[in-house]
Amino acid sequence: MKDLLKAATFSADGPVKVDLATTAGSNVVLVCLESGQAIPPHPEPYAVVFVVLQGEGAITSGTAEYPVTPMHLVAVGKDEDRGIRCTQRMVLLGIRDDV
């Protein structure tokens, strides 16, 4: 068992990814960003679902950008652009699908 918010780690140098669990078909991570930090939109060869646990900002999925707050979920398909822009310190759960 893990307390997800206690596992969050932040850095003034940029976003931090915290690995939580890996299975045969998925990888679960925390993505932690300070206010003003961003991960520019970029494609990846896997699908991912982001769940906002804390904070505010926007998540890019494909060609759309969605404003998000806690408990919002955004799914991004394989090979689609994904990005995160933080306006208030954020913690996101990222569930990567390699199946």
PDB file of N, CA and C in Angstrom:
ATOM      1  N   MET A   1       0.836  -1.171   0.000  1.00  0.00           N
ATOM      2  CA  MET A   1       0.000   0.000   0.000  1.00  0.00           C
ATOM      3  C   MET A   1       0.885   1.240   0.000  1.00  0.00           C
ATOM      4  N   LYS A   2       0.446   2.259  -0.754  1.00  0.00           N
ATOM      5  CA  LYS A   2       1.166   3.529  -0.784  1.00  0.00           C
ATOM      6  C   LYS A   2       0.183   4.674  -0.650  1.00  0.00           C
ATOM      7  N   ASP A   3       0.570   5.669   0.117  1.00  0.00           N
ATOM      8  CA  ASP A   3      -0.167   6.926   0.158  1.00  0.00           C
ATOM      9  C   ASP A   3       0.382   7.754  -0.998  1.00  0.00           C
ATOM     10  N   LEU A   4      -0.415   7.950  -2.041  1.00  0.00           N
ATOM     11  CA  LEU A   4       0.088   8.573  -3.269  1.00  0.00           C
ATOM     12  C   LEU A   4       0.571   9.995  -3.057  1.00  0.00           C
ATOM     13  N   LEU A   5      -0.119  10.784  -2.269  1.00  0.00           N
ATOM     14  CA  LEU A   5       0.324  12.159  -2.065  1.00  0.00           C
ATOM     15  C   LEU A   5       1.604  12.224  -1.235  1.00  0.00           C
ATOM     16  N   LYS A   6       1.798  11.274  -0.319  1.00  0.00           N
ATOM     17  CA  LYS A   6       3.059  11.238   0.445  1.00  0.00           C
ATOM     18  C   LYS A   6       4.218  10.761  -0.418  1.00  0.00           C
ATOM     19  N   ALA A   7       3.943  10.004  -1.482  1.00  0.00           N
ATOM     20  CA  ALA A   7       4.994   9.526  -2.388  1.00  0.00           C
ATOM     21  C   ALA A   7       5.415  10.593  -3.402  1.00  0.00           C
ATOM     22  N   ALA A   8       4.652  11.680  -3.487  1.00  0.00           N
ATOM     23  CA  ALA A   8       4.957  12.737  -4.454  1.00  0.00           C
ATOM     24  C   ALA A   8       6.299  13.392  -4.133  1.00  0.00           C
ATOM     25  N   THR A   9       7.060  13.660  -5.174  1.00  0.00           N
ATOM     26  CA  THR A   9       8.371  14.301  -5.064  1.00  0.00           C
ATOM     27  C   THR A   9       8.424  15.442  -6.067  1.00  0.00           C
ATOM     28  N   PHE A  10       8.945  16.591  -5.633  1.00  0.00           N
ATOM     29  CA  PHE A  10       8.994  17.764  -6.486  1.00  0.00           C
ATOM     30  C   PHE A  10      10.424  18.265  -6.619  1.00  0.00           C
ATOM     31  N   SER A  11      10.686  18.985  -7.716  1.00  0.00           N
ATOM     32  CA  SER A  11      12.003  19.580  -7.942  1.00  0.00           C
ATOM     33  C   SER A  11      11.831  20.914  -8.646  1.00  0.00           C
ATOM     34  N   ALA A  12      12.603  21.898  -8.228  1.00  0.00           N
ATOM     35  CA  ALA A  12      12.597  23.194  -8.908  1.00  0.00           C
ATOM     36  C   ALA A  12      13.201  23.076 -10.301  1.00  0.00           C
ATOM     37  N   ASP A  13      13.945  21.996 -10.552  1.00  0.00           N
ATOM     38  CA  ASP A  13      14.608  21.790 -11.851  1.00  0.00           C
ATOM     39  C   ASP A  13      13.660  21.319 -12.940  1.00  0.00           C
ATOM     40  N   GLY A  14      12.486  20.793 -12.583  1.00  0.00           N
ATOM     41  CA  GLY A  14      11.543  20.315 -13.587  1.00  0.00           C
ATOM     42  C   GLY A  14      10.653  19.227 -13.047  1.00  0.00           C
ATOM     43  N   PRO A  15       9.731  18.736 -13.883  1.00  0.00           N
ATOM     44  CA  PRO A  15       8.814  17.678 -13.465  1.00  0.00           C
ATOM     45  C   PRO A  15       9.560  16.433 -12.984  1.00  0.00           C
ATOM     46  N   VAL A  16       8.934  15.721 -12.049  1.00  0.00           N
ATOM     47  CA  VAL A  16       9.518  14.498 -11.485  1.00  0.00           C
ATOM     48  C   VAL A  16       8.554  13.341 -11.730  1.00  0.00           C
ATOM     49  N   LYS A  17       9.087  12.209 -12.185  1.00  0.00           N
ATOM     50  CA  LYS A  17       8.303  10.986 -12.349  1.00  0.00           C
ATOM     51  C   LYS A  17       8.718  10.017 -11.245  1.00  0.00           C
ATOM     52  N   VAL A  18       7.729   9.487 -10.519  1.00  0.00           N
ATOM     53  CA  VAL A  18       7.973   8.520  -9.446  1.00  0.00           C
ATOM     54  C   VAL A  18       7.342   7.194  -9.871  1.00  0.00           C
ATOM     55  N   ASP A  19       8.165   6.164 -10.082  1.00  0.00           N
ATOM     56  CA  ASP A  19       7.650   4.849 -10.449  1.00  0.00           C
ATOM     57  C   ASP A  19       6.968   4.208  -9.245  1.00  0.00           C
ATOM     58  N   LEU A  20       5.748   3.699  -9.460  1.00  0.00           N
ATOM     59  CA  LEU A  20       4.987   3.071  -8.380  1.00  0.00           C
ATOM     60  C   LEU A  20       4.852   1.570  -8.545  1.00  0.00           C
ATOM     61  N   ALA A  21       4.511   1.125  -9.746  1.00  0.00           N
ATOM     62  CA  ALA A  21       4.278  -0.305  -9.973  1.00  0.00           C
ATOM     63  C   ALA A  21       4.416  -0.619 -11.459  1.00  0.00           C
ATOM     64  N   THR A  22       4.911  -1.811 -11.734  1.00  0.00           N
ATOM     65  CA  THR A  22       5.036  -2.287 -13.108  1.00  0.00           C
ATOM     66  C   THR A  22       4.460  -3.692 -13.181  1.00  0.00           C
ATOM     67  N   THR A  23       3.629  -3.926 -14.204  1.00  0.00           N
ATOM     68  CA  THR A  23       3.094  -5.264 -14.446  1.00  0.00           C
ATOM     69  C   THR A  23       3.451  -5.645 -15.874  1.00  0.00           C
ATOM     70  N   ALA A  24       3.023  -6.810 -16.304  1.00  0.00           N
ATOM     71  CA  ALA A  24       3.325  -7.265 -17.655  1.00  0.00           C
ATOM     72  C   ALA A  24       2.720  -6.354 -18.715  1.00  0.00           C
ATOM     73  N   GLY A  25       1.618  -5.665 -18.407  1.00  0.00           N
ATOM     74  CA  GLY A  25       0.951  -4.857 -19.419  1.00  0.00           C
ATOM     75  C   GLY A  25       0.827  -3.384 -19.115  1.00  0.00           C
ATOM     76  N   SER A  26       1.328  -2.938 -17.953  1.00  0.00           N
ATOM     77  CA  SER A  26       1.176  -1.522 -17.632  1.00  0.00           C
ATOM     78  C   SER A  26       2.274  -1.045 -16.698  1.00  0.00           C
ATOM     79  N   ASN A  27       2.394   0.278 -16.626  1.00  0.00           N
ATOM     80  CA  ASN A  27       3.328   0.926 -15.718  1.00  0.00           C
ATOM     81  C   ASN A  27       2.562   2.051 -15.039  1.00  0.00           C
ATOM     82  N   VAL A  28       2.661   2.146 -13.718  1.00  0.00           N
ATOM     83  CA  VAL A  28       1.943   3.157 -12.961  1.00  0.00           C
ATOM     84  C   VAL A  28       2.966   4.098 -12.328  1.00  0.00           C
ATOM     85  N   VAL A  29       2.781   5.410 -12.560  1.00  0.00           N
ATOM     86  CA  VAL A  29       3.725   6.408 -12.058  1.00  0.00           C
ATOM     87  C   VAL A  29       2.965   7.595 -11.477  1.00  0.00           C
ATOM     88  N   LEU A  30       3.671   8.360 -10.663  1.00  0.00           N
ATOM     89  CA  LEU A  30       3.207   9.693 -10.290  1.00  0.00           C
ATOM     90  C   LEU A  30       3.996  10.679 -11.135  1.00  0.00           C
ATOM     91  N   VAL A  31       3.324  11.716 -11.613  1.00  0.00           N
ATOM     92  CA  VAL A  31       3.981  12.810 -12.300  1.00  0.00           C
ATOM     93  C   VAL A  31       3.742  14.035 -11.438  1.00  0.00           C
ATOM     94  N   CYS A  32       4.832  14.690 -11.011  1.00  0.00           N
ATOM     95  CA  CYS A  32       4.742  15.784 -10.051  1.00  0.00           C
ATOM     96  C   CYS A  32       5.355  17.044 -10.666  1.00  0.00           C
ATOM     97  N   LEU A  33       4.576  18.124 -10.675  1.00  0.00           N
ATOM     98  CA  LEU A  33       5.028  19.384 -11.268  1.00  0.00           C
ATOM     99  C   LEU A  33       4.775  20.541 -10.313  1.00  0.00           C
ATOM    100  N   GLU A  34       5.745  21.432 -10.226  1.00  0.00           N
ATOM    101  CA  GLU A  34       5.571  22.681  -9.491  1.00  0.00           C
ATOM    102  C   GLU A  34       4.811  23.666 -10.383  1.00  0.00           C
ATOM    103  N   SER A  35       4.213  24.679  -9.789  1.00  0.00           N
ATOM    104  CA  SER A  35       3.518  25.722 -10.550  1.00  0.00           C
ATOM    105  C   SER A  35       4.458  26.300 -11.603  1.00  0.00           C
ATOM    106  N   GLY A  36       3.942  26.433 -12.823  1.00  0.00           N
ATOM    107  CA  GLY A  36       4.724  26.996 -13.918  1.00  0.00           C
ATOM    108  C   GLY A  36       5.515  25.972 -14.718  1.00  0.00           C
ATOM    109  N   GLN A  37       5.661  24.754 -14.219  1.00  0.00           N
ATOM    110  CA  GLN A  37       6.385  23.728 -14.961  1.00  0.00           C
ATOM    111  C   GLN A  37       5.486  23.094 -16.018  1.00  0.00           C
ATOM    112  N   ALA A  38       6.124  22.516 -17.034  1.00  0.00           N
ATOM    113  CA  ALA A  38       5.358  21.890 -18.116  1.00  0.00           C
ATOM    114  C   ALA A  38       6.149  20.751 -18.737  1.00  0.00           C
ATOM    115  N   ILE A  39       5.419  19.839 -19.316  1.00  0.00           N
ATOM    116  CA  ILE A  39       5.973  18.800 -20.194  1.00  0.00           C
ATOM    117  C   ILE A  39       5.356  19.105 -21.551  1.00  0.00           C
ATOM    118  N   PRO A  40       6.165  19.578 -22.515  1.00  0.00           N
ATOM    119  CA  PRO A  40       5.609  19.959 -23.818  1.00  0.00           C
ATOM    120  C   PRO A  40       4.948  18.778 -24.515  1.00  0.00           C
ATOM    121  N   PRO A  41       3.896  19.037 -25.292  1.00  0.00           N
ATOM    122  CA  PRO A  41       3.233  17.957 -26.027  1.00  0.00           C
ATOM    123  C   PRO A  41       4.221  17.198 -26.918  1.00  0.00           C
ATOM    124  N   HIS A  42       4.125  15.882 -26.856  1.00  0.00           N
ATOM    125  CA  HIS A  42       5.005  14.998 -27.636  1.00  0.00           C
ATOM    126  C   HIS A  42       4.307  13.648 -27.788  1.00  0.00           C
ATOM    127  N   PRO A  43       4.565  12.934 -28.878  1.00  0.00           N
ATOM    128  CA  PRO A  43       3.959  11.609 -29.046  1.00  0.00           C
ATOM    129  C   PRO A  43       4.758  10.535 -28.306  1.00  0.00           C
ATOM    130  N   GLU A  44       4.086   9.478 -27.922  1.00  0.00           N
ATOM    131  CA  GLU A  44       4.722   8.297 -27.321  1.00  0.00           C
ATOM    132  C   GLU A  44       4.071   7.051 -27.923  1.00  0.00           C
ATOM    133  N   PRO A  45       4.813   5.941 -28.007  1.00  0.00           N
ATOM    134  CA  PRO A  45       4.279   4.728 -28.648  1.00  0.00           C
ATOM    135  C   PRO A  45       3.423   3.861 -27.721  1.00  0.00           C
ATOM    136  N   TYR A  46       2.710   4.492 -26.785  1.00  0.00           N
ATOM    137  CA  TYR A  46       1.834   3.759 -25.868  1.00  0.00           C
ATOM    138  C   TYR A  46       0.683   4.675 -25.448  1.00  0.00           C
ATOM    139  N   ALA A  47      -0.413   4.066 -25.037  1.00  0.00           N
ATOM    140  CA  ALA A  47      -1.544   4.820 -24.497  1.00  0.00           C
ATOM    141  C   ALA A  47      -1.296   5.094 -23.018  1.00  0.00           C
ATOM    142  N   VAL A  48      -1.911   6.152 -22.512  1.00  0.00           N
ATOM    143  CA  VAL A  48      -1.782   6.490 -21.095  1.00  0.00           C
ATOM    144  C   VAL A  48      -3.070   7.153 -20.619  1.00  0.00           C
ATOM    145  N   VAL A  49      -3.372   6.945 -19.329  1.00  0.00           N
ATOM    146  CA  VAL A  49      -4.479   7.629 -18.674  1.00  0.00           C
ATOM    147  C   VAL A  49      -3.873   8.433 -17.526  1.00  0.00           C
ATOM    148  N   PHE A  50      -4.233   9.724 -17.465  1.00  0.00           N
ATOM    149  CA  PHE A  50      -3.793  10.579 -16.364  1.00  0.00           C
ATOM    150  C   PHE A  50      -4.990  10.871 -15.467  1.00  0.00           C
ATOM    151  N   VAL A  51      -4.779  10.744 -14.149  1.00  0.00           N
ATOM    152  CA  VAL A  51      -5.781  11.122 -13.162  1.00  0.00           C
ATOM    153  C   VAL A  51      -5.149  12.203 -12.290  1.00  0.00           C
ATOM    154  N   VAL A  52      -5.783  13.363 -12.240  1.00  0.00           N
ATOM    155  CA  VAL A  52      -5.263  14.462 -11.428  1.00  0.00           C
ATOM    156  C   VAL A  52      -5.632  14.211  -9.968  1.00  0.00           C
ATOM    157  N   LEU A  53      -4.615  14.103  -9.120  1.00  0.00           N
ATOM    158  CA  LEU A  53      -4.849  13.885  -7.692  1.00  0.00           C
ATOM    159  C   LEU A  53      -4.836  15.192  -6.918  1.00  0.00           C
ATOM    160  N   GLN A  54      -4.025  16.147  -7.399  1.00  0.00           N
ATOM    161  CA  GLN A  54      -3.858  17.424  -6.697  1.00  0.00           C
ATOM    162  C   GLN A  54      -3.450  18.482  -7.705  1.00  0.00           C
ATOM    163  N   GLY A  55      -3.902  19.711  -7.510  1.00  0.00           N
ATOM    164  CA  GLY A  55      -3.450  20.831  -8.314  1.00  0.00           C
ATOM    165  C   GLY A  55      -4.350  21.160  -9.493  1.00  0.00           C
ATOM    166  N   GLU A  56      -3.827  22.080 -10.333  1.00  0.00           N
ATOM    167  CA  GLU A  56      -4.579  22.543 -11.498  1.00  0.00           C
ATOM    168  C   GLU A  56      -3.635  22.785 -12.662  1.00  0.00           C
ATOM    169  N   GLY A  57      -4.193  22.686 -13.857  1.00  0.00           N
ATOM    170  CA  GLY A  57      -3.414  22.947 -15.053  1.00  0.00           C
ATOM    171  C   GLY A  57      -4.170  22.509 -16.287  1.00  0.00           C
ATOM    172  N   ALA A  58      -3.437  22.018 -17.262  1.00  0.00           N
ATOM    173  CA  ALA A  58      -4.040  21.550 -18.509  1.00  0.00           C
ATOM    174  C   ALA A  58      -3.264  20.335 -18.994  1.00  0.00           C
ATOM    175  N   ILE A  59      -3.991  19.408 -19.611  1.00  0.00           N
ATOM    176  CA  ILE A  59      -3.385  18.214 -20.201  1.00  0.00           C
ATOM    177  C   ILE A  59      -3.741  18.192 -21.675  1.00  0.00           C
ATOM    178  N   THR A  60      -2.725  17.991 -22.507  1.00  0.00           N
ATOM    179  CA  THR A  60      -2.929  17.832 -23.943  1.00  0.00           C
ATOM    180  C   THR A  60      -3.145  16.363 -24.248  1.00  0.00           C
ATOM    181  N   SER A  61      -4.186  16.085 -25.046  1.00  0.00           N
ATOM    182  CA  SER A  61      -4.464  14.740 -25.535  1.00  0.00           C
ATOM    183  C   SER A  61      -4.737  14.867 -27.022  1.00  0.00           C
ATOM    184  N   GLY A  62      -3.802  14.405 -27.839  1.00  0.00           N
ATOM    185  CA  GLY A  62      -3.944  14.565 -29.284  1.00  0.00           C
ATOM    186  C   GLY A  62      -3.845  16.034 -29.645  1.00  0.00           C
ATOM    187  N   THR A  63      -4.888  16.579 -30.264  1.00  0.00           N
ATOM    188  CA  THR A  63      -4.900  17.990 -30.656  1.00  0.00           C
ATOM    189  C   THR A  63      -5.686  18.859 -29.687  1.00  0.00           C
ATOM    190  N   ALA A  64      -6.253  18.272 -28.640  1.00  0.00           N
ATOM    191  CA  ALA A  64      -7.072  19.019 -27.671  1.00  0.00           C
ATOM    192  C   ALA A  64      -6.292  19.255 -26.383  1.00  0.00           C
ATOM    193  N   GLU A  65      -6.576  20.392 -25.733  1.00  0.00           N
ATOM    194  CA  GLU A  65      -6.015  20.681 -24.420  1.00  0.00           C
ATOM    195  C   GLU A  65      -7.175  20.848 -23.445  1.00  0.00           C
ATOM    196  N   TYR A  66      -7.124  20.102 -22.340  1.00  0.00           N
ATOM    197  CA  TYR A  66      -8.218  20.099 -21.372  1.00  0.00           C
ATOM    198  C   TYR A  66      -7.781  20.747 -20.060  1.00  0.00           C
ATOM    199  N   PRO A  67      -8.537  21.744 -19.559  1.00  0.00           N
ATOM    200  CA  PRO A  67      -8.256  22.264 -18.222  1.00  0.00           C
ATOM    201  C   PRO A  67      -8.622  21.188 -17.202  1.00  0.00           C
ATOM    202  N   VAL A  68      -7.760  20.997 -16.198  1.00  0.00           N
ATOM    203  CA  VAL A  68      -7.988  19.918 -15.235  1.00  0.00           C
ATOM    204  C   VAL A  68      -7.797  20.404 -13.795  1.00  0.00           C
ATOM    205  N   THR A  69      -8.538  19.756 -12.912  1.00  0.00           N
ATOM    206  CA  THR A  69      -8.450  19.944 -11.468  1.00  0.00           C
ATOM    207  C   THR A  69      -8.535  18.551 -10.847  1.00  0.00           C
ATOM    208  N   PRO A  70      -8.422  18.434  -9.520  1.00  0.00           N
ATOM    209  CA  PRO A  70      -8.446  17.109  -8.906  1.00  0.00           C
ATOM    210  C   PRO A  70      -9.656  16.262  -9.317  1.00  0.00           C
ATOM    211  N   MET A  71      -9.365  14.999  -9.528  1.00  0.00           N
ATOM    212  CA  MET A  71     -10.302  13.946  -9.895  1.00  0.00           C
ATOM    213  C   MET A  71     -10.715  13.974 -11.362  1.00  0.00           C
ATOM    214  N   HIS A  72     -10.064  14.777 -12.181  1.00  0.00           N
ATOM    215  CA  HIS A  72     -10.276  14.709 -13.628  1.00  0.00           C
ATOM    216  C   HIS A  72      -9.404  13.600 -14.209  1.00  0.00           C
ATOM    217  N   LEU A  73      -9.919  12.951 -15.231  1.00  0.00           N
ATOM    218  CA  LEU A  73      -9.217  11.873 -15.927  1.00  0.00           C
ATOM    219  C   LEU A  73      -9.115  12.260 -17.402  1.00  0.00           C
ATOM    220  N   VAL A  74      -7.912  12.082 -17.974  1.00  0.00           N
ATOM    221  CA  VAL A  74      -7.697  12.344 -19.396  1.00  0.00           C
ATOM    222  C   VAL A  74      -6.978  11.135 -19.986  1.00  0.00           C
ATOM    223  N   ALA A  75      -7.549  10.563 -21.038  1.00  0.00           N
ATOM    224  CA  ALA A  75      -6.940   9.426 -21.735  1.00  0.00           C
ATOM    225  C   ALA A  75      -6.257   9.926 -23.006  1.00  0.00           C
ATOM    226  N   VAL A  76      -5.094   9.345 -23.300  1.00  0.00           N
ATOM    227  CA  VAL A  76      -4.336   9.695 -24.503  1.00  0.00           C
ATOM    228  C   VAL A  76      -4.005   8.397 -25.235  1.00  0.00           C
ATOM    229  N   GLY A  77      -4.308   8.356 -26.516  1.00  0.00           N
ATOM    230  CA  GLY A  77      -4.069   7.149 -27.304  1.00  0.00           C
ATOM    231  C   GLY A  77      -2.611   6.954 -27.689  1.00  0.00           C
ATOM    232  N   LYS A  78      -2.306   5.762 -28.110  1.00  0.00           N
ATOM    233  CA  LYS A  78      -0.979   5.406 -28.602  1.00  0.00           C
ATOM    234  C   LYS A  78      -0.606   6.329 -29.760  1.00  0.00           C
ATOM    235  N   ASP A  79       0.628   6.818 -29.759  1.00  0.00           N
ATOM    236  CA  ASP A  79       1.196   7.689 -30.784  1.00  0.00           C
ATOM    237  C   ASP A  79       0.559   9.074 -30.842  1.00  0.00           C
ATOM    238  N   GLU A  80      -0.327   9.425 -29.918  1.00  0.00           N
ATOM    239  CA  GLU A  80      -0.906  10.767 -29.858  1.00  0.00           C
ATOM    240  C   GLU A  80      -0.042  11.671 -28.989  1.00  0.00           C
ATOM    241  N   ASP A  81      -0.092  12.982 -29.297  1.00  0.00           N
ATOM    242  CA  ASP A  81       0.611  13.944 -28.453  1.00  0.00           C
ATOM    243  C   ASP A  81       0.005  13.949 -27.063  1.00  0.00           C
ATOM    244  N   ARG A  82       0.894  14.093 -26.066  1.00  0.00           N
ATOM    245  CA  ARG A  82       0.461  14.273 -24.688  1.00  0.00           C
ATOM    246  C   ARG A  82       1.399  15.280 -24.049  1.00  0.00           C
ATOM    247  N   GLY A  83       0.845  16.128 -23.199  1.00  0.00           N
ATOM    248  CA  GLY A  83       1.631  17.133 -22.509  1.00  0.00           C
ATOM    249  C   GLY A  83       0.891  17.602 -21.277  1.00  0.00           C
ATOM    250  N   ILE A  84       1.624  18.231 -20.364  1.00  0.00           N
ATOM    251  CA  ILE A  84       1.041  18.712 -19.114  1.00  0.00           C
ATOM    252  C   ILE A  84       1.564  20.124 -18.858  1.00  0.00           C
ATOM    253  N   ARG A  85       0.654  21.028 -18.525  1.00  0.00           N
ATOM    254  CA  ARG A  85       1.025  22.393 -18.155  1.00  0.00           C
ATOM    255  C   ARG A  85       0.425  22.654 -16.773  1.00  0.00           C
ATOM    256  N   CYS A  86       1.267  23.006 -15.813  1.00  0.00           N
ATOM    257  CA  CYS A  86       0.848  23.156 -14.423  1.00  0.00           C
ATOM    258  C   CYS A  86       0.675  24.629 -14.055  1.00  0.00           C
ATOM    259  N   THR A  87      -0.494  24.973 -13.510  1.00  0.00           N
ATOM    260  CA  THR A  87      -0.716  26.331 -13.008  1.00  0.00           C
ATOM    261  C   THR A  87      -0.750  26.375 -11.485  1.00  0.00           C
ATOM    262  N   GLN A  88      -1.017  25.234 -10.852  1.00  0.00           N
ATOM    263  CA  GLN A  88      -0.973  25.110  -9.393  1.00  0.00           C
ATOM    264  C   GLN A  88      -0.387  23.737  -9.093  1.00  0.00           C
ATOM    265  N   ARG A  89       0.619  23.664  -8.251  1.00  0.00           N
ATOM    266  CA  ARG A  89       1.358  22.423  -7.961  1.00  0.00           C
ATOM    267  C   ARG A  89       0.489  21.189  -8.167  1.00  0.00           C
ATOM    268  N   MET A  90       0.966  20.272  -9.054  1.00  0.00           N
ATOM    269  CA  MET A  90       0.157  19.127  -9.474  1.00  0.00           C
ATOM    270  C   MET A  90       0.796  17.789  -9.124  1.00  0.00           C
ATOM    271  N   VAL A  91      -0.074  16.846  -8.808  1.00  0.00           N
ATOM    272  CA  VAL A  91       0.292  15.438  -8.696  1.00  0.00           C
ATOM    273  C   VAL A  91      -0.697  14.672  -9.556  1.00  0.00           C
ATOM    274  N   LEU A  92      -0.173  13.916 -10.520  1.00  0.00           N
ATOM    275  CA  LEU A  92      -1.012  13.112 -11.407  1.00  0.00           C
ATOM    276  C   LEU A  92      -0.612  11.650 -11.295  1.00  0.00           C
ATOM    277  N   LEU A  93      -1.592  10.786 -11.380  1.00  0.00           N
ATOM    278  CA  LEU A  93      -1.356   9.358 -11.502  1.00  0.00           C
ATOM    279  C   LEU A  93      -1.354   9.051 -12.983  1.00  0.00           C
ATOM    280  N   GLY A  94      -0.288   8.468 -13.488  1.00  0.00           N
ATOM    281  CA  GLY A  94      -0.209   8.085 -14.888  1.00  0.00           C
ATOM    282  C   GLY A  94      -0.204   6.573 -15.008  1.00  0.00           C
ATOM    283  N   ILE A  95      -1.122   6.050 -15.811  1.00  0.00           N
ATOM    284  CA  ILE A  95      -1.212   4.600 -15.999  1.00  0.00           C
ATOM    285  C   ILE A  95      -0.938   4.324 -17.476  1.00  0.00           C
ATOM    286  N   ARG A  96       0.218   3.783 -17.756  1.00  0.00           N
ATOM    287  CA  ARG A  96       0.675   3.519 -19.115  1.00  0.00           C
ATOM    288  C   ARG A  96       0.248   2.123 -19.528  1.00  0.00           C
ATOM    289  N   ASP A  97      -0.313   2.032 -20.724  1.00  0.00           N
ATOM    290  CA  ASP A  97      -0.806   0.767 -21.252  1.00  0.00           C
ATOM    291  C   ASP A  97       0.106   0.284 -22.360  1.00  0.00           C
ATOM    292  N   ASP A  98       0.814  -0.806 -22.117  1.00  0.00           N
ATOM    293  CA  ASP A  98       1.719  -1.372 -23.117  1.00  0.00           C
ATOM    294  C   ASP A  98       1.123  -2.575 -23.819  1.00  0.00           C
ATOM    295  N   VAL A  99      -0.135  -2.875 -23.554  1.00  0.00           N
ATOM    296  CA  VAL A  99      -0.757  -4.070 -24.114  1.00  0.00           C
ATOM    297  C   VAL A  99      -1.115  -3.853 -25.574  1.00  0.00           C
TER     298      VAL A  99
END
